PDB file of N, CA and C in Angstrom:
ATOM      1  N   MET A   1     106.227 121.933 124.284  1.00  0.00           N
ATOM      2  CA  MET A   1     105.962 120.897 124.091  1.00  0.00           C
ATOM      3  C   MET A   1     107.076 119.829 124.263  1.00  0.00           C
ATOM      4  N   ASN A   2     106.560 118.897 124.524  1.00  0.00           N
ATOM      5  CA  ASN A   2     107.848 117.678 124.808  1.00  0.00           C
ATOM      6  C   ASN A   2     108.281 117.190 123.401  1.00  0.00           C
ATOM      7  N   PHE A   3     109.586 117.282 123.279  1.00  0.00           N
ATOM      8  CA  PHE A   3     110.524 116.818 122.305  1.00  0.00           C
ATOM      9  C   PHE A   3     109.723 115.150 121.689  1.00  0.00           C
ATOM     10  N   ARG A   4     109.779 114.785 122.738  1.00  0.00           N
ATOM     11  CA  ARG A   4     109.197 113.260 121.975  1.00  0.00           C
ATOM     12  C   ARG A   4     107.750 113.221 121.523  1.00  0.00           C
ATOM     13  N   VAL A   5     106.850 113.998 121.851  1.00  0.00           N
ATOM     14  CA  VAL A   5     105.924 114.252 121.269  1.00  0.00           C
ATOM     15  C   VAL A   5     106.054 114.954 120.127  1.00  0.00           C
ATOM     16  N   LEU A   6     106.419 115.985 120.187  1.00  0.00           N
ATOM     17  CA  LEU A   6     106.879 116.394 118.565  1.00  0.00           C
ATOM     18  C   LEU A   6     107.744 115.307 117.818  1.00  0.00           C
ATOM     19  N   ALA A   7     108.677 114.548 118.027  1.00  0.00           N
ATOM     20  CA  ALA A   7     109.041 113.432 117.050  1.00  0.00           C
ATOM     21  C   ALA A   7     107.953 112.716 116.756  1.00  0.00           C
ATOM     22  N   LEU A   8     107.239 112.393 117.415  1.00  0.00           N
ATOM     23  CA  LEU A   8     106.056 111.447 117.132  1.00  0.00           C
ATOM     24  C   LEU A   8     105.251 112.258 116.203  1.00  0.00           C
ATOM     25  N   VAL A   9     104.739 113.422 116.132  1.00  0.00           N
ATOM     26  CA  VAL A   9     103.805 114.214 115.367  1.00  0.00           C
ATOM     27  C   VAL A   9     104.350 114.169 113.993  1.00  0.00           C
ATOM     28  N   LEU A  10     105.646 114.418 113.625  1.00  0.00           N
ATOM     29  CA  LEU A  10     106.378 115.122 112.688  1.00  0.00           C
ATOM     30  C   LEU A  10     106.359 113.509 111.941  1.00  0.00           C
ATOM     31  N   SER A  11     106.605 112.565 112.436  1.00  0.00           N
ATOM     32  CA  SER A  11     106.901 111.474 111.891  1.00  0.00           C
ATOM     33  C   SER A  11     105.648 110.864 111.416  1.00  0.00           C
ATOM     34  N   LEU A  12     104.171 111.197 111.502  1.00  0.00           N
ATOM     35  CA  LEU A  12     102.791 110.429 111.628  1.00  0.00           C
ATOM     36  C   LEU A  12     103.102 110.525 110.105  1.00  0.00           C
ATOM     37  N   PRO A  13     103.224 111.448 109.149  1.00  0.00           N
ATOM     38  CA  PRO A  13     102.569 111.246 107.769  1.00  0.00           C
ATOM     39  C   PRO A  13     103.730 110.339 107.050  1.00  0.00           C
ATOM     40  N   ALA A  14     104.960 110.227 107.396  1.00  0.00           N
ATOM     41  CA  ALA A  14     105.703 109.340 106.964  1.00  0.00           C
ATOM     42  C   ALA A  14     105.269 107.866 107.062  1.00  0.00           C
ATOM     43  N   LEU A  15     104.956 107.669 108.406  1.00  0.00           N
ATOM     44  CA  LEU A  15     104.286 106.396 108.921  1.00  0.00           C
ATOM     45  C   LEU A  15     103.285 106.208 108.095  1.00  0.00           C
ATOM     46  N   THR A  16     102.564 107.219 108.240  1.00  0.00           N
ATOM     47  CA  THR A  16     100.816 106.772 107.510  1.00  0.00           C
ATOM     48  C   THR A  16     101.174 106.405 105.808  1.00  0.00           C
ATOM     49  N   TRP A  17     102.133 107.216 104.963  1.00  0.00           N
ATOM     50  CA  TRP A  17     102.244 107.084 103.956  1.00  0.00           C
ATOM     51  C   TRP A  17     103.138 105.527 103.652  1.00  0.00           C
ATOM     52  N   SER A  18     103.768 105.052 104.356  1.00  0.00           N
ATOM     53  CA  SER A  18     104.834 103.856 104.518  1.00  0.00           C
ATOM     54  C   SER A  18     103.264 102.850 104.890  1.00  0.00           C
ATOM     55  N   LEU A  19     102.907 103.045 105.541  1.00  0.00           N
ATOM     56  CA  LEU A  19     101.631 101.607 105.882  1.00  0.00           C
ATOM     57  C   LEU A  19     101.040 101.707 104.764  1.00  0.00           C
ATOM     58  N   SER A  20     100.224 102.825 104.261  1.00  0.00           N
ATOM     59  CA  SER A  20      99.520 102.791 102.949  1.00  0.00           C
ATOM     60  C   SER A  20      99.887 102.175 101.835  1.00  0.00           C
ATOM     61  N   ALA A  21     101.089 102.402 101.574  1.00  0.00           N
ATOM     62  CA  ALA A  21     101.790 101.901 100.269  1.00  0.00           C
ATOM     63  C   ALA A  21     101.923 100.560 100.348  1.00  0.00           C
ATOM     64  N   ASN A  22     102.515  99.926 101.638  1.00  0.00           N
ATOM     65  CA  ASN A  22     102.601  98.188 101.854  1.00  0.00           C
ATOM     66  C   ASN A  22     101.282  97.697 101.974  1.00  0.00           C
ATOM     67  N   ALA A  23     100.103  98.358 102.315  1.00  0.00           N
ATOM     68  CA  ALA A  23      99.012  97.413 102.193  1.00  0.00           C
ATOM     69  C   ALA A  23      98.339  97.518 101.152  1.00  0.00           C
ATOM     70  N   GLU A  24      98.888  97.944  99.658  1.00  0.00           N
ATOM     71  CA  GLU A  24      97.918  97.918  98.631  1.00  0.00           C
ATOM     72  C   GLU A  24      98.896  97.299  97.855  1.00  0.00           C
ATOM     73  N   ASP A  25     100.324  97.772  97.642  1.00  0.00           N
ATOM     74  CA  ASP A  25     101.117  97.420  96.910  1.00  0.00           C
ATOM     75  C   ASP A  25     102.244  96.762  97.316  1.00  0.00           C
ATOM     76  N   TYR A  26     102.527  95.471  96.771  1.00  0.00           N
ATOM     77  CA  TYR A  26     103.538  94.427  97.317  1.00  0.00           C
ATOM     78  C   TYR A  26     104.754  93.775  96.265  1.00  0.00           C
ATOM     79  N   GLN A  27     106.072  93.974  96.587  1.00  0.00           N
ATOM     80  CA  GLN A  27     106.896  93.718  95.648  1.00  0.00           C
ATOM     81  C   GLN A  27     106.834  92.105  95.594  1.00  0.00           C
ATOM     82  N   THR A  28     106.629  91.442  94.783  1.00  0.00           N
ATOM     83  CA  THR A  28     106.421  90.097  94.814  1.00  0.00           C
ATOM     84  C   THR A  28     107.426  89.300  93.441  1.00  0.00           C
ATOM     85  N   GLU A  29     107.497  88.018  93.971  1.00  0.00           N
ATOM     86  CA  GLU A  29     108.288  87.195  92.922  1.00  0.00           C
ATOM     87  C   GLU A  29     107.232  85.906  92.655  1.00  0.00           C
ATOM     88  N   PHE A  30     107.137  85.549  91.446  1.00  0.00           N
ATOM     89  CA  PHE A  30     106.138  84.878  91.011  1.00  0.00           C
ATOM     90  C   PHE A  30     106.899  84.023  90.114  1.00  0.00           C
ATOM     91  N   SER A  31     105.812  82.810  89.673  1.00  0.00           N
ATOM     92  CA  SER A  31     106.393  81.699  88.755  1.00  0.00           C
ATOM     93  C   SER A  31     105.148  80.956  88.556  1.00  0.00           C
ATOM     94  N   GLY A  32     105.313  80.377  87.407  1.00  0.00           N
ATOM     95  CA  GLY A  32     103.893  79.302  86.916  1.00  0.00           C
ATOM     96  C   GLY A  32     103.748  79.162  85.544  1.00  0.00           C
ATOM     97  N   VAL A  33     102.654  78.958  85.006  1.00  0.00           N
ATOM     98  CA  VAL A  33     102.391  78.684  83.910  1.00  0.00           C
ATOM     99  C   VAL A  33     101.722  80.005  83.207  1.00  0.00           C
ATOM    100  N   LEU A  34     102.483  80.537  82.260  1.00  0.00           N
ATOM    101  CA  LEU A  34     101.660  81.496  81.530  1.00  0.00           C
ATOM    102  C   LEU A  34     100.364  80.693  80.468  1.00  0.00           C
ATOM    103  N   LYS A  35      99.411  81.764  81.005  1.00  0.00           N
ATOM    104  CA  LYS A  35      98.115  81.427  80.181  1.00  0.00           C
ATOM    105  C   LYS A  35      97.691  82.444  79.552  1.00  0.00           C
ATOM    106  N   VAL A  36      97.954  82.471  78.175  1.00  0.00           N
ATOM    107  CA  VAL A  36      97.260  84.075  77.407  1.00  0.00           C
ATOM    108  C   VAL A  36      95.709  83.898  77.220  1.00  0.00           C
ATOM    109  N   GLY A  37      94.927  85.071  77.490  1.00  0.00           N
ATOM    110  CA  GLY A  37      93.623  85.238  77.132  1.00  0.00           C
ATOM    111  C   GLY A  37      93.625  86.471  76.037  1.00  0.00           C
ATOM    112  N   LYS A  38      92.535  86.520  75.979  1.00  0.00           N
ATOM    113  CA  LYS A  38      91.884  87.912  74.921  1.00  0.00           C
ATOM    114  C   LYS A  38      92.346  89.024  75.103  1.00  0.00           C
ATOM    115  N   GLN A  39      92.172  89.443  76.007  1.00  0.00           N
ATOM    116  CA  GLN A  39      92.486  90.785  77.309  1.00  0.00           C
ATOM    117  C   GLN A  39      93.390  90.862  78.337  1.00  0.00           C
ATOM    118  N   TYR A  40      93.065  89.718  78.875  1.00  0.00           N
ATOM    119  CA  TYR A  40      93.798  89.648  80.201  1.00  0.00           C
ATOM    120  C   TYR A  40      94.607  88.081  79.740  1.00  0.00           C
ATOM    121  N   SER A  41      95.858  88.005  80.766  1.00  0.00           N
ATOM    122  CA  SER A  41      96.633  87.064  81.008  1.00  0.00           C
ATOM    123  C   SER A  41      97.119  86.622  82.182  1.00  0.00           C
ATOM    124  N   HIS A  42      97.021  85.463  82.620  1.00  0.00           N
ATOM    125  CA  HIS A  42      97.782  85.291  83.934  1.00  0.00           C
ATOM    126  C   HIS A  42      98.918  84.384  83.793  1.00  0.00           C
ATOM    127  N   ILE A  43      99.537  84.204  84.861  1.00  0.00           N
ATOM    128  CA  ILE A  43     100.495  83.405  85.291  1.00  0.00           C
ATOM    129  C   ILE A  43     100.033  82.527  86.586  1.00  0.00           C
ATOM    130  N   PHE A  44      99.743  81.219  86.493  1.00  0.00           N
ATOM    131  CA  PHE A  44      99.157  80.376  87.390  1.00  0.00           C
ATOM    132  C   PHE A  44     100.120  79.693  88.232  1.00  0.00           C
ATOM    133  N   TYR A  45     100.491  79.587  89.278  1.00  0.00           N
ATOM    134  CA  TYR A  45     100.821  78.803  90.042  1.00  0.00           C
ATOM    135  C   TYR A  45     100.263  77.724  90.966  1.00  0.00           C
ATOM    136  N   SER A  46     100.731  76.739  91.024  1.00  0.00           N
ATOM    137  CA  SER A  46     100.213  75.520  91.811  1.00  0.00           C
ATOM    138  C   SER A  46     100.978  74.612  92.697  1.00  0.00           C
ATOM    139  N   GLY A  47     100.697  74.611  93.951  1.00  0.00           N
ATOM    140  CA  GLY A  47     101.800  74.348  94.906  1.00  0.00           C
ATOM    141  C   GLY A  47     101.886  72.812  94.813  1.00  0.00           C
ATOM    142  N   LYS A  48     102.857  71.903  94.494  1.00  0.00           N
ATOM    143  CA  LYS A  48     102.766  70.612  94.147  1.00  0.00           C
ATOM    144  C   LYS A  48     102.497  70.193  96.006  1.00  0.00           C
ATOM    145  N   GLU A  49     102.842  70.401  96.909  1.00  0.00           N
ATOM    146  CA  GLU A  49     102.636  70.014  98.247  1.00  0.00           C
ATOM    147  C   GLU A  49     101.516  70.029  98.823  1.00  0.00           C
ATOM    148  N   THR A  50     101.054  71.342  98.915  1.00  0.00           N
ATOM    149  CA  THR A  50      99.677  71.940  99.427  1.00  0.00           C
ATOM    150  C   THR A  50      98.831  71.908  98.569  1.00  0.00           C
ATOM    151  N   GLY A  51      98.739  72.288  97.167  1.00  0.00           N
ATOM    152  CA  GLY A  51      97.599  72.129  96.306  1.00  0.00           C
ATOM    153  C   GLY A  51      97.026  73.683  96.474  1.00  0.00           C
ATOM    154  N   ASP A  52      97.925  74.520  97.164  1.00  0.00           N
ATOM    155  CA  ASP A  52      97.430  76.204  96.739  1.00  0.00           C
ATOM    156  C   ASP A  52      97.796  76.369  95.259  1.00  0.00           C
ATOM    157  N   THR A  53      96.803  77.331  95.079  1.00  0.00           N
ATOM    158  CA  THR A  53      96.794  78.380  93.921  1.00  0.00           C
ATOM    159  C   THR A  53      96.633  79.507  94.103  1.00  0.00           C
ATOM    160  N   VAL A  54      97.707  80.349  92.904  1.00  0.00           N
ATOM    161  CA  VAL A  54      97.646  81.492  92.782  1.00  0.00           C
ATOM    162  C   VAL A  54      97.901  82.099  91.488  1.00  0.00           C
ATOM    163  N   ALA A  55      96.980  83.040  91.284  1.00  0.00           N
ATOM    164  CA  ALA A  55      97.309  83.729  89.786  1.00  0.00           C
ATOM    165  C   ALA A  55      97.582  85.127  90.004  1.00  0.00           C
ATOM    166  N   TYR A  56      98.550  85.285  88.832  1.00  0.00           N
ATOM    167  CA  TYR A  56      98.921  86.767  88.645  1.00  0.00           C
ATOM    168  C   TYR A  56      98.992  87.132  87.313  1.00  0.00           C
ATOM    169  N   PHE A  57      97.733  88.264  87.449  1.00  0.00           N
ATOM    170  CA  PHE A  57      97.152  88.642  86.428  1.00  0.00           C
ATOM    171  C   PHE A  57      97.443  90.113  85.654  1.00  0.00           C
ATOM    172  N   PHE A  58      97.440  90.154  84.800  1.00  0.00           N
ATOM    173  CA  PHE A  58      97.798  91.592  84.052  1.00  0.00           C
ATOM    174  C   PHE A  58      97.095  91.925  82.579  1.00  0.00           C
ATOM    175  N   GLU A  59      96.759  93.111  82.131  1.00  0.00           N
ATOM    176  CA  GLU A  59      95.916  93.085  81.238  1.00  0.00           C
ATOM    177  C   GLU A  59      97.094  93.128  79.722  1.00  0.00           C
ATOM    178  N   ASN A  60      96.887  92.678  78.518  1.00  0.00           N
ATOM    179  CA  ASN A  60      97.790  92.366  77.506  1.00  0.00           C
ATOM    180  C   ASN A  60      98.302  93.684  77.043  1.00  0.00           C
ATOM    181  N   LYS A  61      97.860  94.506  76.791  1.00  0.00           N
ATOM    182  CA  LYS A  61      98.119  95.866  75.770  1.00  0.00           C
ATOM    183  C   LYS A  61      98.934  96.690  77.018  1.00  0.00           C
ATOM    184  N   SER A  62      99.069  96.557  78.378  1.00  0.00           N
ATOM    185  CA  SER A  62      99.967  97.169  79.404  1.00  0.00           C
ATOM    186  C   SER A  62     101.123  96.858  78.964  1.00  0.00           C
ATOM    187  N   LYS A  63     101.935  97.887  79.890  1.00  0.00           N
ATOM    188  CA  LYS A  63     103.525  97.965  79.663  1.00  0.00           C
ATOM    189  C   LYS A  63     103.924  96.149  80.421  1.00  0.00           C
ATOM    190  N   VAL A  64     102.977  95.781  81.649  1.00  0.00           N
ATOM    191  CA  VAL A  64     103.556  94.823  82.029  1.00  0.00           C
ATOM    192  C   VAL A  64     103.126  93.798  81.134  1.00  0.00           C
ATOM    193  N   GLY A  65     101.988  93.755  80.549  1.00  0.00           N
ATOM    194  CA  GLY A  65     101.779  92.628  79.750  1.00  0.00           C
ATOM    195  C   GLY A  65     102.577  92.532  78.633  1.00  0.00           C
ATOM    196  N   GLN A  66     102.930  93.459  77.930  1.00  0.00           N
ATOM    197  CA  GLN A  66     103.775  93.538  76.723  1.00  0.00           C
ATOM    198  C   GLN A  66     105.108  92.862  76.834  1.00  0.00           C
ATOM    199  N   LYS A  67     105.678  93.474  78.395  1.00  0.00           N
ATOM    200  CA  LYS A  67     106.630  92.804  78.522  1.00  0.00           C
ATOM    201  C   LYS A  67     106.814  91.335  78.967  1.00  0.00           C
ATOM    202  N   ILE A  68     106.075  90.717  79.505  1.00  0.00           N
ATOM    203  CA  ILE A  68     105.815  89.363  79.621  1.00  0.00           C
ATOM    204  C   ILE A  68     105.330  88.699  78.502  1.00  0.00           C
ATOM    205  N   LEU A  69     104.814  89.216  77.720  1.00  0.00           N
ATOM    206  CA  LEU A  69     104.093  88.305  76.340  1.00  0.00           C
ATOM    207  C   LEU A  69     105.245  88.632  75.648  1.00  0.00           C
ATOM    208  N   SER A  70     106.225  89.138  75.427  1.00  0.00           N
ATOM    209  CA  SER A  70     107.455  89.097  74.561  1.00  0.00           C
ATOM    210  C   SER A  70     108.221  88.116  74.962  1.00  0.00           C
ATOM    211  N   THR A  71     108.306  87.752  76.700  1.00  0.00           N
ATOM    212  CA  THR A  71     109.548  87.133  76.811  1.00  0.00           C
ATOM    213  C   THR A  71     109.314  85.725  77.070  1.00  0.00           C
ATOM    214  N   CYS A  72     108.062  85.649  77.775  1.00  0.00           N
ATOM    215  CA  CYS A  72     107.187  83.875  77.827  1.00  0.00           C
ATOM    216  C   CYS A  72     106.498  83.456  76.931  1.00  0.00           C
ATOM    217  N   LYS A  73     106.291  82.396  76.661  1.00  0.00           N
ATOM    218  CA  LYS A  73     105.450  81.632  75.917  1.00  0.00           C
ATOM    219  C   LYS A  73     103.926  80.963  76.448  1.00  0.00           C
ATOM    220  N   ASN A  74     102.823  81.238  75.792  1.00  0.00           N
ATOM    221  CA  ASN A  74     101.700  80.700  76.459  1.00  0.00           C
ATOM    222  C   ASN A  74     101.802  78.796  76.371  1.00  0.00           C
ATOM    223  N   ASN A  75     101.268  78.597  77.826  1.00  0.00           N
ATOM    224  CA  ASN A  75     101.340  77.257  78.229  1.00  0.00           C
ATOM    225  C   ASN A  75     102.327  76.988  78.505  1.00  0.00           C
ATOM    226  N   LYS A  76     103.927  77.963  78.899  1.00  0.00           N
ATOM    227  CA  LYS A  76     104.825  77.449  79.236  1.00  0.00           C
ATOM    228  C   LYS A  76     105.325  78.076  80.627  1.00  0.00           C
ATOM    229  N   PRO A  77     106.207  77.412  81.353  1.00  0.00           N
ATOM    230  CA  PRO A  77     106.624  78.002  82.596  1.00  0.00           C
ATOM    231  C   PRO A  77     107.174  79.685  82.442  1.00  0.00           C
ATOM    232  N   CYS A  78     107.095  80.561  83.226  1.00  0.00           N
ATOM    233  CA  CYS A  78     107.569  81.785  83.112  1.00  0.00           C
ATOM    234  C   CYS A  78     107.720  82.505  84.675  1.00  0.00           C
ATOM    235  N   SER A  79     108.511  83.267  84.918  1.00  0.00           N
ATOM    236  CA  SER A  79     108.817  83.661  86.699  1.00  0.00           C
ATOM    237  C   SER A  79     109.200  84.735  86.629  1.00  0.00           C
ATOM    238  N   GLY A  80     109.272  85.444  87.237  1.00  0.00           N
ATOM    239  CA  GLY A  80     109.692  87.108  87.419  1.00  0.00           C
ATOM    240  C   GLY A  80     109.602  87.570  88.824  1.00  0.00           C
ATOM    241  N   SER A  81     109.803  89.347  88.837  1.00  0.00           N
ATOM    242  CA  SER A  81     109.747  89.990  89.961  1.00  0.00           C
ATOM    243  C   SER A  81     109.134  91.148  89.468  1.00  0.00           C
ATOM    244  N   GLY A  82     108.066  91.563  90.411  1.00  0.00           N
ATOM    245  CA  GLY A  82     107.463  93.042  90.374  1.00  0.00           C
ATOM    246  C   GLY A  82     106.681  93.245  91.409  1.00  0.00           C
ATOM    247  N   ASN A  83     105.846  94.408  91.211  1.00  0.00           N
ATOM    248  CA  ASN A  83     104.769  94.787  92.437  1.00  0.00           C
ATOM    249  C   ASN A  83     103.358  94.193  91.920  1.00  0.00           C
ATOM    250  N   THR A  84     102.924  94.184  92.956  1.00  0.00           N
ATOM    251  CA  THR A  84     101.305  93.193  92.663  1.00  0.00           C
ATOM    252  C   THR A  84     100.204  94.170  93.421  1.00  0.00           C
ATOM    253  N   GLU A  85      99.170  93.995  93.394  1.00  0.00           N
ATOM    254  CA  GLU A  85      98.151  94.275  94.169  1.00  0.00           C
ATOM    255  C   GLU A  85      96.943  93.250  94.272  1.00  0.00           C
ATOM    256  N   ILE A  86      96.480  92.968  95.655  1.00  0.00           N
ATOM    257  CA  ILE A  86      95.192  92.027  95.695  1.00  0.00           C
ATOM    258  C   ILE A  86      94.221  92.921  95.080  1.00  0.00           C
ATOM    259  N   GLU A  87      93.579  92.095  94.075  1.00  0.00           N
ATOM    260  CA  GLU A  87      92.683  92.828  93.213  1.00  0.00           C
ATOM    261  C   GLU A  87      91.022  92.100  93.901  1.00  0.00           C
ATOM    262  N   ASP A  88      90.214  92.939  93.931  1.00  0.00           N
ATOM    263  CA  ASP A  88      88.884  92.445  94.350  1.00  0.00           C
ATOM    264  C   ASP A  88      87.772  92.182  93.204  1.00  0.00           C
ATOM    265  N   LYS A  89      88.020  92.721  92.049  1.00  0.00           N
ATOM    266  CA  LYS A  89      87.480  92.396  90.851  1.00  0.00           C
ATOM    267  C   LYS A  89      88.119  91.888  89.908  1.00  0.00           C
ATOM    268  N   ILE A  90      87.764  90.434  89.647  1.00  0.00           N
ATOM    269  CA  ILE A  90      88.560  89.462  89.167  1.00  0.00           C
ATOM    270  C   ILE A  90      88.227  89.698  87.694  1.00  0.00           C
ATOM    271  N   PRO A  91      89.009  89.860  86.344  1.00  0.00           N
ATOM    272  CA  PRO A  91      88.278  89.591  85.137  1.00  0.00           C
ATOM    273  C   PRO A  91      87.810  88.219  84.993  1.00  0.00           C
ATOM    274  N   LYS A  92      86.814  88.289  84.008  1.00  0.00           N
ATOM    275  CA  LYS A  92      86.266  86.934  84.003  1.00  0.00           C
ATOM    276  C   LYS A  92      87.137  85.711  83.402  1.00  0.00           C
ATOM    277  N   GLU A  93      88.177  86.315  82.642  1.00  0.00           N
ATOM    278  CA  GLU A  93      89.232  85.048  82.237  1.00  0.00           C
ATOM    279  C   GLU A  93      90.191  84.550  83.097  1.00  0.00           C
ATOM    280  N   ILE A  94      90.207  85.307  84.363  1.00  0.00           N
ATOM    281  CA  ILE A  94      91.037  84.612  85.105  1.00  0.00           C
ATOM    282  C   ILE A  94      90.581  83.599  86.236  1.00  0.00           C
ATOM    283  N   PRO A  95      91.190  82.432  86.445  1.00  0.00           N
ATOM    284  CA  PRO A  95      90.470  81.305  87.352  1.00  0.00           C
ATOM    285  C   PRO A  95      90.539  81.737  88.630  1.00  0.00           C
ATOM    286  N   GLU A  96      89.155  81.139  89.459  1.00  0.00           N
ATOM    287  CA  GLU A  96      89.290  81.510  90.627  1.00  0.00           C
ATOM    288  C   GLU A  96      90.683  80.703  91.300  1.00  0.00           C
ATOM    289  N   THR A  97      91.390  80.901  92.544  1.00  0.00           N
ATOM    290  CA  THR A  97      92.407  80.298  93.110  1.00  0.00           C
ATOM    291  C   THR A  97      92.079  79.935  94.754  1.00  0.00           C
ATOM    292  N   THR A  98      92.741  79.112  95.096  1.00  0.00           N
ATOM    293  CA  THR A  98      92.655  79.026  96.524  1.00  0.00           C
ATOM    294  C   THR A  98      93.272  79.938  97.626  1.00  0.00           C
ATOM    295  N   SER A  99      94.433  80.845  97.194  1.00  0.00           N
ATOM    296  CA  SER A  99      95.511  81.392  98.159  1.00  0.00           C
ATOM    297  C   SER A  99      95.440  82.827  97.572  1.00  0.00           C
ATOM    298  N   GLY A 100      94.895  82.976  96.577  1.00  0.00           N
ATOM    299  CA  GLY A 100      94.865  84.805  95.964  1.00  0.00           C
ATOM    300  C   GLY A 100      95.074  84.746  94.491  1.00  0.00           C
ATOM    301  N   THR A 101      94.830  85.989  94.194  1.00  0.00           N
ATOM    302  CA  THR A 101      94.615  86.527  92.803  1.00  0.00           C
ATOM    303  C   THR A 101      95.271  87.919  92.914  1.00  0.00           C
ATOM    304  N   TYR A 102      96.207  88.397  92.219  1.00  0.00           N
ATOM    305  CA  TYR A 102      96.944  89.461  92.458  1.00  0.00           C
ATOM    306  C   TYR A 102      97.107  89.933  90.792  1.00  0.00           C
ATOM    307  N   LYS A 103      97.249  91.318  90.635  1.00  0.00           N
ATOM    308  CA  LYS A 103      97.196  92.242  89.434  1.00  0.00           C
ATOM    309  C   LYS A 103      98.756  92.492  89.612  1.00  0.00           C
ATOM    310  N   ILE A 104      99.275  92.371  88.466  1.00  0.00           N
ATOM    311  CA  ILE A 104     100.975  92.923  88.468  1.00  0.00           C
ATOM    312  C   ILE A 104     100.770  94.349  87.651  1.00  0.00           C
ATOM    313  N   THR A 105     101.658  95.056  88.808  1.00  0.00           N
ATOM    314  CA  THR A 105     101.313  96.705  88.431  1.00  0.00           C
ATOM    315  C   THR A 105     102.792  97.167  87.711  1.00  0.00           C
ATOM    316  N   SER A 106     103.773  96.532  88.055  1.00  0.00           N
ATOM    317  CA  SER A 106     104.612  96.936  87.432  1.00  0.00           C
ATOM    318  C   SER A 106     105.805  95.277  87.691  1.00  0.00           C
ATOM    319  N   ILE A 107     106.686  95.553  86.816  1.00  0.00           N
ATOM    320  CA  ILE A 107     107.660  94.447  86.281  1.00  0.00           C
ATOM    321  C   ILE A 107     108.949  94.687  86.377  1.00  0.00           C
ATOM    322  N   SER A 108     110.061  94.185  87.176  1.00  0.00           N
ATOM    323  CA  SER A 108     111.494  94.557  86.970  1.00  0.00           C
ATOM    324  C   SER A 108     112.190  93.226  86.721  1.00  0.00           C
ATOM    325  N   LYS A 109     111.684  92.072  86.424  1.00  0.00           N
ATOM    326  CA  LYS A 109     112.318  91.326  85.539  1.00  0.00           C
ATOM    327  C   LYS A 109     111.413  89.971  85.333  1.00  0.00           C
ATOM    328  N   VAL A 110     111.432  89.509  84.029  1.00  0.00           N
ATOM    329  CA  VAL A 110     110.748  88.632  83.701  1.00  0.00           C
ATOM    330  C   VAL A 110     111.575  87.363  82.782  1.00  0.00           C
ATOM    331  N   GLN A 111     111.269  86.027  82.922  1.00  0.00           N
ATOM    332  CA  GLN A 111     112.270  85.058  82.231  1.00  0.00           C
ATOM    333  C   GLN A 111     111.452  83.815  82.109  1.00  0.00           C
ATOM    334  N   PRO A 112     111.514  83.136  80.664  1.00  0.00           N
ATOM    335  CA  PRO A 112     110.919  81.581  81.096  1.00  0.00           C
ATOM    336  C   PRO A 112     111.910  80.969  82.093  1.00  0.00           C
ATOM    337  N   ARG A 113     111.391  79.600  82.523  1.00  0.00           N
ATOM    338  CA  ARG A 113     111.432  78.825  83.035  1.00  0.00           C
ATOM    339  C   ARG A 113     111.969  77.351  82.692  1.00  0.00           C
TER     340      ARG A 113
END
């Protein structure tokens, strides 16, 4: 067997895992105004120049929710970073956006702005 073919075959599982992990889960920095809901809350970003809107949402009782809600205040600016996923099924409490709606799945930092 050709060594190049063997190297390619051996690297396919790692390449496949890398692509699938990146296709669903993104490291993201976010900022906007925190809007607290009953079950879900979101950080809503509105671009001043473009008018684009983005919502980063989370379940209040989750670890992500507890960390954000203990740090930021309702209707006040909030920023942070963490992993997000594009979400097809958006909870009713989350507003429609022009540029995307993402569920925050893990949080590495959060702070009021």
